[in-house]
Structures are given as C-alpha cells and as structure tokens.
Protein backbone atom coordinates (compact mmCIF):
# COMPACT_ATOMS: atom_id res chain seq x y z
CA UNK A 1 -100.27 259.97 -53.13
CA UNK A 2 -103.19 260.07 -55.51
CA UNK A 3 -106.74 261.21 -54.90
CA UNK A 4 -109.27 260.05 -57.43
CA UNK A 5 -112.49 261.82 -58.28
CA UNK A 6 -114.28 260.37 -61.32
CA UNK A 7 -117.91 260.83 -62.32
CA UNK A 8 -119.81 257.80 -63.62
CA UNK A 9 -123.02 259.42 -64.72
CA UNK A 10 -124.60 260.72 -61.53
CA UNK A 11 -122.52 258.31 -59.43
CA UNK A 12 -119.32 259.66 -57.92
CA UNK A 13 -116.35 257.31 -57.70
CA UNK A 14 -114.83 257.00 -54.25
CA UNK A 15 -111.39 258.35 -53.45
CA UNK A 16 -108.33 256.72 -51.94
CA UNK A 17 -104.84 257.63 -50.81
CA UNK A 18 -102.02 255.71 -52.49
CA UNK A 19 -98.37 255.43 -51.46
CA UNK A 20 -95.71 253.47 -53.33
CA UNK A 21 -93.09 251.71 -51.17
CA UNK A 22 -91.13 250.19 -54.06
CA UNK A 23 -87.80 251.94 -53.49
CA UNK A 24 -86.29 248.77 -52.01
CA UNK A 25 -86.91 246.92 -55.30
CA UNK A 26 -85.51 249.58 -57.62
CA UNK A 27 -82.10 249.05 -59.22
CA UNK A 28 -80.82 252.54 -59.89
CA UNK A 29 -77.11 253.26 -59.36
CA UNK A 30 -76.10 249.64 -58.89
CA UNK A 31 -73.65 248.34 -61.49
CA UNK A 32 -72.69 244.76 -62.17
CA UNK A 33 -68.93 244.47 -61.76
CA UNK A 34 -68.61 240.71 -61.62
CA UNK A 35 -69.77 240.42 -58.00
CA UNK A 36 -70.84 236.99 -56.78
CA UNK A 37 -73.94 235.97 -54.82
CA UNK A 38 -72.19 235.15 -51.56
CA UNK A 39 -72.85 238.68 -50.30
CA UNK A 40 -76.64 238.47 -50.59
CA UNK A 41 -76.58 235.15 -48.68
CA UNK A 42 -74.42 236.73 -45.98
CA UNK A 43 -76.80 239.71 -45.67
CA UNK A 44 -79.79 237.36 -45.45
CA UNK A 45 -78.12 235.27 -42.75
CA UNK A 46 -77.19 238.36 -40.75
CA UNK A 47 -80.69 239.89 -40.94
CA UNK A 48 -82.70 236.78 -40.09
CA UNK A 49 -80.21 235.40 -37.56
CA UNK A 50 -80.41 238.68 -35.63
CA UNK A 51 -84.21 238.29 -35.52
CA UNK A 52 -83.98 234.66 -34.41
CA UNK A 53 -81.49 235.52 -31.66
CA UNK A 54 -84.10 237.93 -30.23
CA UNK A 55 -86.62 235.05 -30.09
CA UNK A 56 -84.36 232.50 -28.38
CA UNK A 57 -84.91 233.73 -24.77
CA UNK A 58 -88.60 232.86 -25.14
CA UNK A 59 -87.96 229.58 -26.98
CA UNK A 60 -85.13 227.61 -25.35
CA UNK A 61 -83.43 229.96 -22.84
CA UNK A 62 -81.60 227.08 -21.09
CA UNK A 63 -79.69 225.94 -24.18
CA UNK A 64 -76.38 227.41 -25.38
CA UNK A 65 -76.01 228.77 -28.92
CA UNK A 66 -73.13 227.23 -30.86
CA UNK A 67 -71.53 227.60 -34.24
CA UNK A 68 -71.15 224.59 -36.51
CA UNK A 69 -67.44 224.46 -35.73
CA UNK A 70 -68.17 224.57 -31.97
CA UNK A 71 -70.45 221.50 -31.88
CA UNK A 72 -69.61 218.79 -29.36
CA UNK A 73 -70.79 215.20 -29.60
CA UNK A 74 -73.86 214.51 -27.43
CA UNK A 75 -74.18 218.08 -26.16
CA UNK A 76 -77.59 219.70 -26.69
CA UNK A 77 -77.41 223.19 -28.18
CA UNK A 78 -78.91 225.57 -30.74
CA UNK A 79 -77.33 226.36 -34.09
CA UNK A 80 -78.50 229.08 -36.48
CA UNK A 81 -77.61 229.11 -40.14
CA UNK A 82 -78.64 228.79 -43.78
CA UNK A 83 -80.11 225.56 -45.10
CA UNK A 84 -78.78 223.90 -48.23
CA UNK A 85 -80.74 221.07 -49.83
CA UNK A 86 -78.99 218.26 -51.72
CA UNK A 87 -81.45 217.25 -54.44
CA UNK A 88 -81.08 214.11 -56.51
CA UNK A 89 -83.27 215.43 -59.34
CA UNK A 90 -82.13 219.07 -59.37
CA UNK A 91 -81.15 220.08 -62.92
CA UNK A 92 -77.51 220.97 -63.54
CA UNK A 93 -75.62 222.27 -66.55
CA UNK A 94 -73.80 218.94 -66.92
CA UNK A 95 -77.04 216.92 -66.88
CA UNK A 96 -78.61 219.27 -69.42
CA UNK A 97 -75.56 218.89 -71.65
CA UNK A 98 -75.67 215.09 -71.41
CA UNK A 99 -79.38 215.11 -72.26
CA UNK A 100 -78.70 217.22 -75.35
CA UNK A 101 -76.20 214.64 -76.57
CA UNK A 102 -78.42 211.69 -75.70
CA UNK A 103 -80.40 209.96 -78.43
CA UNK A 104 -83.38 209.68 -76.04
CA UNK A 105 -83.54 212.86 -73.91
CA UNK A 106 -84.96 212.47 -70.40
CA UNK A 107 -88.30 214.02 -69.50
CA UNK A 108 -87.90 216.97 -67.10
CA UNK A 109 -90.24 216.69 -64.12
CA UNK A 110 -92.34 219.65 -62.93
CA UNK A 111 -91.21 218.99 -59.36
CA UNK A 112 -87.68 217.95 -58.44
CA UNK A 113 -88.36 216.70 -54.89
CA UNK A 114 -87.11 213.17 -54.19
CA UNK A 115 -87.29 210.97 -51.10
CA UNK A 116 -83.47 210.84 -50.98
CA UNK A 117 -83.10 214.63 -50.62
CA UNK A 118 -81.09 215.75 -47.57
CA UNK A 119 -80.54 219.03 -45.75
CA UNK A 120 -77.34 220.70 -44.60
CA UNK A 121 -76.98 223.74 -42.33
CA UNK A 122 -74.09 226.12 -42.77
CA UNK A 123 -72.81 229.27 -41.11
CA UNK A 124 -69.56 231.22 -41.41
CA UNK A 125 -67.62 228.49 -39.57
CA UNK A 126 -68.70 225.41 -41.54
CA UNK A 127 -71.53 223.07 -42.47
CA UNK A 128 -73.12 220.00 -40.94
CA UNK A 129 -75.49 217.30 -42.24
CA UNK A 130 -78.93 217.28 -40.60
CA UNK A 131 -80.77 214.15 -39.42
CA UNK A 132 -84.11 213.46 -37.75
CA UNK A 133 -87.80 213.55 -38.65
CA UNK A 134 -88.52 217.09 -37.39
CA UNK A 135 -86.99 218.84 -40.39
CA UNK A 136 -88.64 217.67 -43.62
CA UNK A 137 -86.55 218.16 -46.79
CA UNK A 138 -89.74 218.38 -48.84
CA UNK A 139 -90.82 221.54 -46.96
CA UNK A 140 -87.59 223.57 -46.88
CA UNK A 141 -85.39 224.89 -49.68
CA UNK A 142 -81.86 226.14 -50.13
CA UNK A 143 -81.69 229.64 -48.68
CA UNK A 144 -83.91 229.26 -45.58
CA UNK A 145 -82.41 230.66 -42.37
CA UNK A 146 -83.53 228.77 -39.25
CA UNK A 147 -82.55 227.90 -35.68
CA UNK A 148 -82.23 224.21 -34.81
CA UNK A 149 -82.26 222.51 -31.42
CA UNK A 150 -80.40 219.23 -31.29
CA UNK A 151 -77.03 217.57 -30.75
CA UNK A 152 -74.12 216.22 -32.73
CA UNK A 153 -74.06 212.46 -33.27
CA UNK A 154 -71.12 210.12 -33.30
CA UNK A 155 -71.12 210.19 -37.10
CA UNK A 156 -70.63 213.93 -37.20
CA UNK A 157 -74.24 214.71 -38.13
CA UNK A 158 -76.59 217.04 -36.23
CA UNK A 159 -79.74 215.31 -34.94
CA UNK A 160 -82.56 217.87 -35.02
CA UNK A 161 -85.12 217.82 -32.19
CA UNK A 162 -86.89 221.15 -32.80
CA UNK A 163 -86.89 224.06 -35.25
CA UNK A 164 -87.53 227.80 -34.92
CA UNK A 165 -88.36 230.10 -37.85
CA UNK A 166 -88.31 233.90 -37.85
CA UNK A 167 -92.13 234.11 -37.86
CA UNK A 168 -94.47 236.80 -39.13
CA UNK A 169 -92.95 240.32 -39.27
CA UNK A 170 -94.31 243.30 -37.31
CA UNK A 171 -97.50 244.74 -38.77
CA UNK A 172 -99.07 248.18 -38.82
CA UNK A 173 -102.56 248.40 -37.33
CA UNK A 174 -105.41 248.17 -39.81
CA UNK A 175 -107.38 251.39 -40.32
CA UNK A 176 -110.73 251.82 -38.58
CA UNK A 177 -113.16 249.15 -39.83
CA UNK A 178 -116.11 251.52 -39.49
CA UNK A 179 -115.24 253.23 -42.79
CA UNK A 180 -116.98 252.80 -46.13
CA UNK A 181 -116.50 249.93 -48.55
CA UNK A 182 -113.69 250.50 -51.05
CA UNK A 183 -112.22 247.89 -53.34
CA UNK A 184 -108.92 247.07 -55.00
CA UNK A 185 -109.11 244.87 -58.11
CA UNK A 186 -106.29 242.35 -58.61
CA UNK A 187 -105.86 240.61 -61.95
CA UNK A 188 -103.02 238.72 -63.62
CA UNK A 189 -102.19 236.66 -66.69
CA UNK A 190 -104.04 238.77 -69.27
CA UNK A 191 -101.69 237.22 -71.87
CA UNK A 192 -102.74 239.53 -74.67
CA UNK A 193 -101.57 237.94 -77.92
CA UNK A 194 -101.73 234.34 -76.71
CA UNK A 195 -103.96 231.61 -78.09
CA UNK A 196 -106.02 231.65 -74.87
CA UNK A 197 -106.61 235.42 -74.94
CA UNK A 198 -110.24 236.46 -75.38
CA UNK A 199 -110.59 240.22 -76.09
CA UNK A 200 -114.31 240.19 -75.28
CA UNK A 201 -113.59 238.70 -71.86
CA UNK A 202 -111.07 241.45 -71.04
CA UNK A 203 -113.34 244.16 -72.42
CA UNK A 204 -116.12 243.00 -70.11
CA UNK A 205 -113.75 243.33 -67.15
CA UNK A 206 -112.71 246.83 -68.26
CA UNK A 207 -116.34 247.88 -68.75
CA UNK A 208 -117.28 246.58 -65.30
CA UNK A 209 -114.39 248.41 -63.62
CA UNK A 210 -115.13 251.68 -65.42
CA UNK A 211 -118.87 251.49 -64.70
CA UNK A 212 -120.04 250.95 -68.29
CA UNK A 213 -121.58 247.55 -67.62
CA UNK A 214 -124.76 246.50 -65.87
CA UNK A 215 -127.55 248.32 -64.07
CA UNK A 216 -127.40 251.04 -61.40
CA UNK A 217 -126.57 248.48 -58.71
CA UNK A 218 -123.53 247.24 -60.60
CA UNK A 219 -122.49 250.80 -61.36
CA UNK A 220 -122.67 251.66 -57.65
CA UNK A 221 -120.45 248.63 -57.01
CA UNK A 222 -118.00 249.73 -59.72
CA UNK A 223 -117.84 253.21 -58.20
CA UNK A 224 -116.38 251.64 -55.05
CA UNK A 225 -113.31 250.41 -56.97
CA UNK A 226 -110.42 252.76 -56.16
CA UNK A 227 -107.40 250.86 -57.51
CA UNK A 228 -106.55 248.23 -60.15
CA UNK A 229 -103.34 246.18 -60.03
CA UNK A 230 -102.23 243.98 -62.93
CA UNK A 231 -99.86 241.33 -61.55
CA UNK A 232 -97.71 240.30 -64.50
CA UNK A 233 -97.83 238.26 -67.73
CA UNK A 234 -99.92 240.91 -69.46
CA UNK A 235 -98.70 240.08 -72.97
CA UNK A 236 -97.36 237.05 -74.76
CA UNK A 237 -94.98 237.60 -77.65
CA UNK A 238 -94.09 234.81 -80.07
CA UNK A 239 -90.69 233.52 -78.96
CA UNK A 240 -89.77 232.69 -82.56
CA UNK A 241 -89.62 236.43 -83.29
CA UNK A 242 -86.98 236.99 -80.60
CA UNK A 243 -84.08 235.28 -82.34
CA UNK A 244 -81.70 238.22 -82.56
CA UNK A 245 -82.31 238.75 -86.29
CA UNK A 246 -83.66 241.86 -87.98
CA UNK A 247 -87.44 241.65 -88.29
CA UNK A 248 -89.47 242.23 -91.41
CA UNK A 249 -92.18 244.90 -91.16
CA UNK A 250 -94.95 242.29 -90.91
CA UNK A 251 -93.12 240.58 -88.04
CA UNK A 252 -92.59 243.90 -86.28
CA UNK A 253 -96.35 244.34 -86.09
CA UNK A 254 -96.64 240.84 -84.56
CA UNK A 255 -94.04 241.82 -81.99
CA UNK A 256 -95.65 245.10 -80.98
CA UNK A 257 -99.29 244.17 -81.63
CA UNK A 258 -100.02 242.57 -78.22
CA UNK A 259 -98.42 245.51 -76.36
CA UNK A 260 -100.43 248.00 -78.42
CA UNK A 261 -103.66 246.12 -77.72
CA UNK A 262 -102.84 245.98 -74.00
CA UNK A 263 -102.27 249.74 -74.00
CA UNK A 264 -105.76 250.27 -75.43
CA UNK A 265 -107.33 248.34 -72.52
CA UNK A 266 -105.14 250.04 -69.89
CA UNK A 267 -105.98 253.49 -71.31
CA UNK A 268 -109.69 252.86 -70.75
CA UNK A 269 -109.00 252.00 -67.10
CA UNK A 270 -106.46 254.77 -66.45
CA UNK A 271 -108.92 257.36 -67.77
CA UNK A 272 -110.93 256.90 -64.59
CA UNK A 273 -109.08 254.73 -62.05
CA UNK A 274 -105.48 254.43 -60.82
CA UNK A 275 -103.88 251.34 -62.36
CA UNK A 276 -100.57 249.66 -61.50
CA UNK A 277 -98.94 247.24 -63.93
CA UNK A 278 -96.25 244.83 -62.81
CA UNK A 279 -93.93 242.89 -65.15
CA UNK A 280 -94.08 239.11 -65.27
CA UNK A 281 -92.16 236.20 -66.74
CA UNK A 282 -93.62 236.69 -70.25
CA UNK A 283 -93.43 240.49 -70.34
CA UNK A 284 -90.75 242.62 -72.08
CA UNK A 285 -88.77 243.26 -68.90
CA UNK A 286 -85.56 242.03 -67.30
CA UNK A 287 -85.60 238.35 -66.35
CA UNK A 288 -83.99 238.48 -62.89
CA UNK A 289 -85.89 239.58 -59.79
CA UNK A 290 -86.65 242.25 -58.82
CA UNK A 291 -88.05 242.93 -62.28
CA UNK A 292 -87.92 246.63 -63.06
CA UNK A 293 -90.99 248.61 -64.22
CA UNK A 294 -92.04 248.20 -67.83
CA UNK A 295 -90.86 251.15 -69.91
CA UNK A 296 -93.65 253.70 -70.25
CA UNK A 297 -92.85 254.18 -73.94
CA UNK A 298 -94.61 250.83 -74.43
CA UNK A 299 -97.86 252.49 -73.29
CA UNK A 300 -98.21 255.84 -75.08
CA UNK A 301 -101.95 255.97 -74.45
CA UNK A 302 -102.23 254.98 -70.79
CA UNK A 303 -99.00 256.70 -69.69
CA UNK A 304 -100.55 260.03 -70.68
CA UNK A 305 -102.63 259.74 -67.49
CA UNK A 306 -101.10 260.36 -64.07
CA UNK A 307 -103.26 257.50 -62.79
CA UNK A 308 -101.09 255.00 -64.73
CA UNK A 309 -98.12 253.58 -62.81
CA UNK A 310 -95.56 251.11 -64.08
CA UNK A 311 -94.26 249.25 -61.03
CA UNK A 312 -91.60 246.62 -60.24
CA UNK A 313 -92.12 242.98 -59.38
CA UNK A 314 -92.32 242.45 -56.37
CA UNK A 315 -94.63 245.39 -55.66
CA UNK A 316 -95.22 247.02 -52.24
CA UNK A 317 -97.79 249.78 -51.74
CA UNK A 318 -100.41 251.24 -49.39
CA UNK A 319 -104.01 252.08 -50.29
CA UNK A 320 -105.79 254.00 -47.52
CA UNK A 321 -103.09 252.70 -45.11
CA UNK A 322 -103.82 249.06 -46.01
CA UNK A 323 -100.49 247.51 -47.01
CA UNK A 324 -100.30 245.31 -50.11
CA UNK A 325 -97.36 243.11 -51.06
CA UNK A 326 -97.43 241.05 -54.22
CA UNK A 327 -95.48 239.26 -56.92
CA UNK A 328 -96.22 238.05 -60.42
CA UNK A 329 -95.78 234.45 -59.29
CA UNK A 330 -92.17 233.48 -60.03
CA UNK A 331 -91.25 233.07 -56.36
CA UNK A 332 -94.13 230.67 -55.68
CA UNK A 333 -93.69 228.80 -58.97
CA UNK A 334 -90.04 228.16 -58.10
CA UNK A 335 -90.91 226.95 -54.60
CA UNK A 336 -93.36 224.56 -56.26
CA UNK A 337 -90.49 223.04 -58.24
CA UNK A 338 -88.12 222.50 -55.31
CA UNK A 339 -90.47 221.79 -52.38
CA UNK A 340 -93.97 220.48 -51.75
CA UNK A 341 -97.19 221.96 -50.37
CA UNK A 342 -100.91 221.36 -50.79
CA UNK A 343 -101.43 224.63 -52.74
CA UNK A 344 -100.02 228.07 -53.53
CA UNK A 345 -101.46 229.53 -50.32
CA UNK A 346 -99.31 227.22 -48.20
CA UNK A 347 -96.20 228.31 -50.10
CA UNK A 348 -97.21 231.94 -49.54
CA UNK A 349 -97.67 231.43 -45.81
CA UNK A 350 -94.23 229.82 -45.60
CA UNK A 351 -92.53 232.80 -47.24
CA UNK A 352 -94.11 235.11 -44.65
CA UNK A 353 -93.09 232.91 -41.72
CA UNK A 354 -89.60 232.55 -43.19
CA UNK A 355 -89.51 236.37 -43.51
CA UNK A 356 -88.30 236.07 -47.08
CA UNK A 357 -90.20 236.66 -50.30
CA UNK A 358 -87.95 234.57 -52.55
CA UNK A 359 -85.88 232.09 -50.50
CA UNK A 360 -84.83 230.09 -53.59
CA UNK A 361 -83.14 233.16 -55.10
CA UNK A 362 -80.40 233.18 -56.24
CA UNK A 363 -79.94 229.38 -56.14
CA UNK A 364 -82.69 228.41 -58.59
CA UNK A 365 -84.50 231.72 -59.12
CA UNK A 366 -82.65 234.49 -60.94
CA UNK A 367 -82.03 237.70 -59.00
CA UNK A 368 -79.69 240.69 -59.13
CA UNK A 369 -76.44 240.18 -57.12
CA UNK A 370 -77.01 242.85 -54.47
CA UNK A 371 -74.05 243.63 -52.24
CA UNK A 372 -75.62 246.10 -49.79
CA UNK A 373 -79.08 244.63 -49.08
CA UNK A 374 -81.48 241.75 -49.60
CA UNK A 375 -84.64 243.40 -50.98
CA UNK A 376 -86.66 240.19 -50.55
CA UNK A 377 -86.32 240.27 -46.76
CA UNK A 378 -89.80 241.09 -45.39
CA UNK A 379 -89.46 243.87 -42.81
CA UNK A 380 -93.12 244.73 -42.38
CA UNK A 381 -96.03 242.30 -42.55
CA UNK A 382 -98.56 243.23 -45.24
CA UNK A 383 -102.29 243.21 -44.69
CA UNK A 384 -102.80 241.71 -48.15
CA UNK A 385 -100.27 239.37 -49.78
CA UNK A 386 -101.08 238.40 -53.37
CA UNK A 387 -99.39 236.25 -55.99
CA UNK A 388 -100.36 236.32 -59.64
CA UNK A 389 -100.49 233.79 -62.49
CA UNK A 390 -101.54 230.79 -60.45
CA UNK A 391 -103.63 227.87 -61.70
CA UNK A 392 -106.69 228.71 -59.63
CA UNK A 393 -108.15 231.28 -57.26
CA UNK A 394 -107.55 230.76 -53.57
CA UNK A 395 -107.67 232.85 -50.43
CA UNK A 396 -107.32 232.47 -46.69
CA UNK A 397 -106.61 234.50 -43.57
CA UNK A 398 -103.55 233.75 -41.46
CA UNK A 399 -103.09 235.12 -37.96
CA UNK A 400 -100.07 235.72 -35.77
CA UNK A 401 -99.17 237.20 -32.41
CA UNK A 402 -100.37 240.70 -31.42
CA UNK A 403 -103.50 240.46 -33.60
CA UNK A 404 -101.60 240.18 -36.88
CA UNK A 405 -103.96 239.35 -39.74
CA UNK A 406 -102.91 238.73 -43.34
CA UNK A 407 -105.17 238.07 -46.30
CA UNK A 408 -103.47 235.66 -48.73
CA UNK A 409 -104.72 235.73 -52.33
CA UNK A 410 -103.75 233.43 -55.17
CA UNK A 411 -104.76 235.19 -58.40
CA UNK A 412 -105.51 232.91 -61.37
CA UNK A 413 -104.53 233.56 -64.98
CA UNK A 414 -107.30 235.76 -66.39
CA UNK A 415 -106.83 234.55 -69.97
CA UNK A 416 -107.62 230.98 -68.89
CA UNK A 417 -110.24 231.54 -66.19
CA UNK A 418 -111.77 234.98 -66.77
CA UNK A 419 -111.40 235.64 -63.04
CA UNK A 420 -110.26 238.81 -61.27
CA UNK A 421 -110.29 239.43 -57.51
CA UNK A 422 -111.81 242.30 -55.52
CA UNK A 423 -110.46 243.11 -52.04
CA UNK A 424 -112.47 245.22 -49.59
CA UNK A 425 -110.16 247.72 -47.84
CA UNK A 426 -112.57 247.98 -44.90
CA UNK A 427 -112.41 244.37 -43.70
CA UNK A 428 -110.01 242.55 -46.12
CA UNK A 429 -112.83 240.35 -47.40
CA UNK A 430 -112.48 239.37 -51.04
CA UNK A 431 -114.55 237.88 -53.82
CA UNK A 432 -114.09 237.11 -57.49
CA UNK A 433 -115.29 238.82 -60.64
CA UNK A 434 -115.99 236.03 -63.09
CA UNK A 435 -116.12 236.70 -66.84
CA UNK A 436 -115.25 233.18 -67.96
CA UNK A 437 -115.84 229.59 -66.95
CA UNK A 438 -117.58 229.30 -63.59
CA UNK A 439 -115.19 228.23 -60.79
CA UNK A 440 -115.71 227.59 -57.10
CA UNK A 441 -114.00 229.86 -54.61
C-alpha cells in the first residue's frame, strides 16, 4: 500500500491507499513444456459450469440437466458446455498460405462475422450443433460457457429455446460516498515515437496532473488526483528495426529513443503521484496474454521512485477500496473481429456477464497455456472496468442484482485524440481531460 503526500505550492495533494491484486496474472515458476491448451478450456468449463449449476434452481428447476451424449430426441432438458463457432471467414494457416501464392491476394476484412456462421456446444461427452433464433452466432464466440434450454431434433441438432449466462460476479461494497473527491487518471495509447505523437500534447497532460498548469482552481483539481494508470501502447518502435540483425549505432538510438522519451514523461509524474504502466500490443513486452510487466531497466529515471509501478496486462488493483480491472484493449479488439456489437462498451459488458475477461483466448487471442488456472476468469466484480486503446471515449454504468454497480470506461488513444479520463473514487463519476481535438462524451 502506498500513501502519497506531495506539496504543490501551498496546496497539499490528497492521499490514497493502493493495493495490487495482480498475482493471478503473474507468470513466475511456470515453464512451457509443450503443454496444449485443452487444460485451460477444461478449467474454464469447470469453473463457469459450477457457477451456472448454482443458478439453475432459480432458472428452470423443473428441467433435467443432461450431457451432450445423454440427449434424447424431443425431450426438453438443459445442457451446459463450451461454445464453438464455425466461421466461414475465419483466417487459417492454409488460407494465408494460398493467399501468399496467389497473384491477386484477397483483402482481409476487419470483422470475420458472416451470416452463415453456426454454433456448436461441447462438453466432455461430445458436441452438438445448435439451432434456433435465441442464440445469435454474431454475439457469441468460441470459448463462451453457457447453459441452454431446448431439445434434440430428429436431425440430431439441439433446438435452443432459452440461454443462461453466468452473470455478474459478486462485488465488494463501495466505500462510504460521503468522503472527499479523489481522482484516478486513466490514459492509453501515448504512442511515443509514432507519427501521431505530439510531445506538447503529452507535456500538457503531465503538467496538469502534476499541478504545474492553470490557475489556483485547476491546481486544486490536480491536487485531488491520487493515481495515474497508463493502459498500454505507450511507445511505438519502427518494425523495420526489429529484423533480427545487428543494429548500427544510429539505429540503436531510434530503437531506444521512444522509450527514453517516455521515461522522461513518467519521471515527472512519478516524482509526485503514483503511476502504473501496463504493457500493450506495441510495447516491448511478451505478445501473449497476460502480458508481463515492462522491465524496469527501460525506465531508469521513473523507476528510481517508489511511486512508479510496472504492472501486467490485465491489471487488477484497489485504490481506497475501489476495485479497478483493466486491459490494454487486446481482448475487446479481438471480440470486435469475431463478433458484433454497437460499441466497445457492449463488448465489455458481455465479458463481465460471461465472467471471462478474454473468452476468445486461446482460440484467436494469444495466451499462455496455463495448466492449473484460468487467470481471465472474473471472480470478483470490479467497481471500475476500463479498456485502453479504443477509437473513442465512452462510458456507462451497468447494474446487477444486490446493488452491483460497475462503471465501464473505453479509453481512447491519447496520441490521436488528446483525451485522458478522470474517475472520481467517491461516486464513480468520470469526465475527460481534453488536450487535443474536441470530442463529445
């Protein structure tokens, strides 16, 4: 836990208590010994099926629960298993190979959903094709665990009449709302070193956070900021430099330059405020989720402060007993390729109700082949769920049983929008800090 006490002139910065809950995402003693991904699917099925079984007495208590192998034609029942989606447009190694050898390569779509996609449900005993209009293939992805009410048809398919998902997880009570205003700043997509990066724009954000910008009123507002979290894609390194060849001295500076510049900005923040940095798709970290913390040797300036924390992606932490869960955006971006929704917030809500942070992993989203746990299973419902590197800012409140309230936040790329997000710990209200083109929230 960290207590912060920083003077900004005559204005005293507020303090907060911080607790990291990232142990579940850390890969420490695990070793890759050729294990396959079947184990993580089995663990996911076991965890979520156990939850769904506990919900069945209040859902359809009169119906028997069957396995796929135990289905009988015309008999209504409930089956619980993992969904698999057959996708006509899903990329495969063979199709990529054929495109490489083709004189006119095909254009890869940004979304692989097709009207001919079909769903299959499988458990340990077998698999069955799903029919009916209740279960939309455009909504679900391979890896979802659900309960289905229906009956087997004469053709051997399962006609779905109703569906049950695991629902929102249990949630800790929010702290007393009568406290003082304290803010957490969320920002992503700094992309230092990219063509869209504007150093003045980022410096304005840093100066605002540290209280070196504006009049007394703005400085009072800055003094209420108790935590900064950078949600991935902080640097962008030229891919042409990463070709496995020895680099000339001038190219070495191009490789390290963006990281060095990022460290300068982070050092200014860490000198007065706790700052967490998460790795993203573009950052010098491992590719597969959960991405491990960026090595602190990359940040000699900021890592000299105990307020600087290099964290994994996904990232789970408490600030003044308000629970935050966030990713750098890969899980939502992958859902956007293999399913459809109106915006990122709808994808985020689905992951919470499915009780899984990255349902498309490991099918289409790279992840470590865990054999003893599924770290993406959501055990406790956060109060704030954020996703970085999205196209635009968005936020909404979702509610569940027993007064569960979750603030969803889609954080835009700062290098393109100049927008960061401030979250009030007292009431979960949020607003944007805009240092770029004006956008509507």
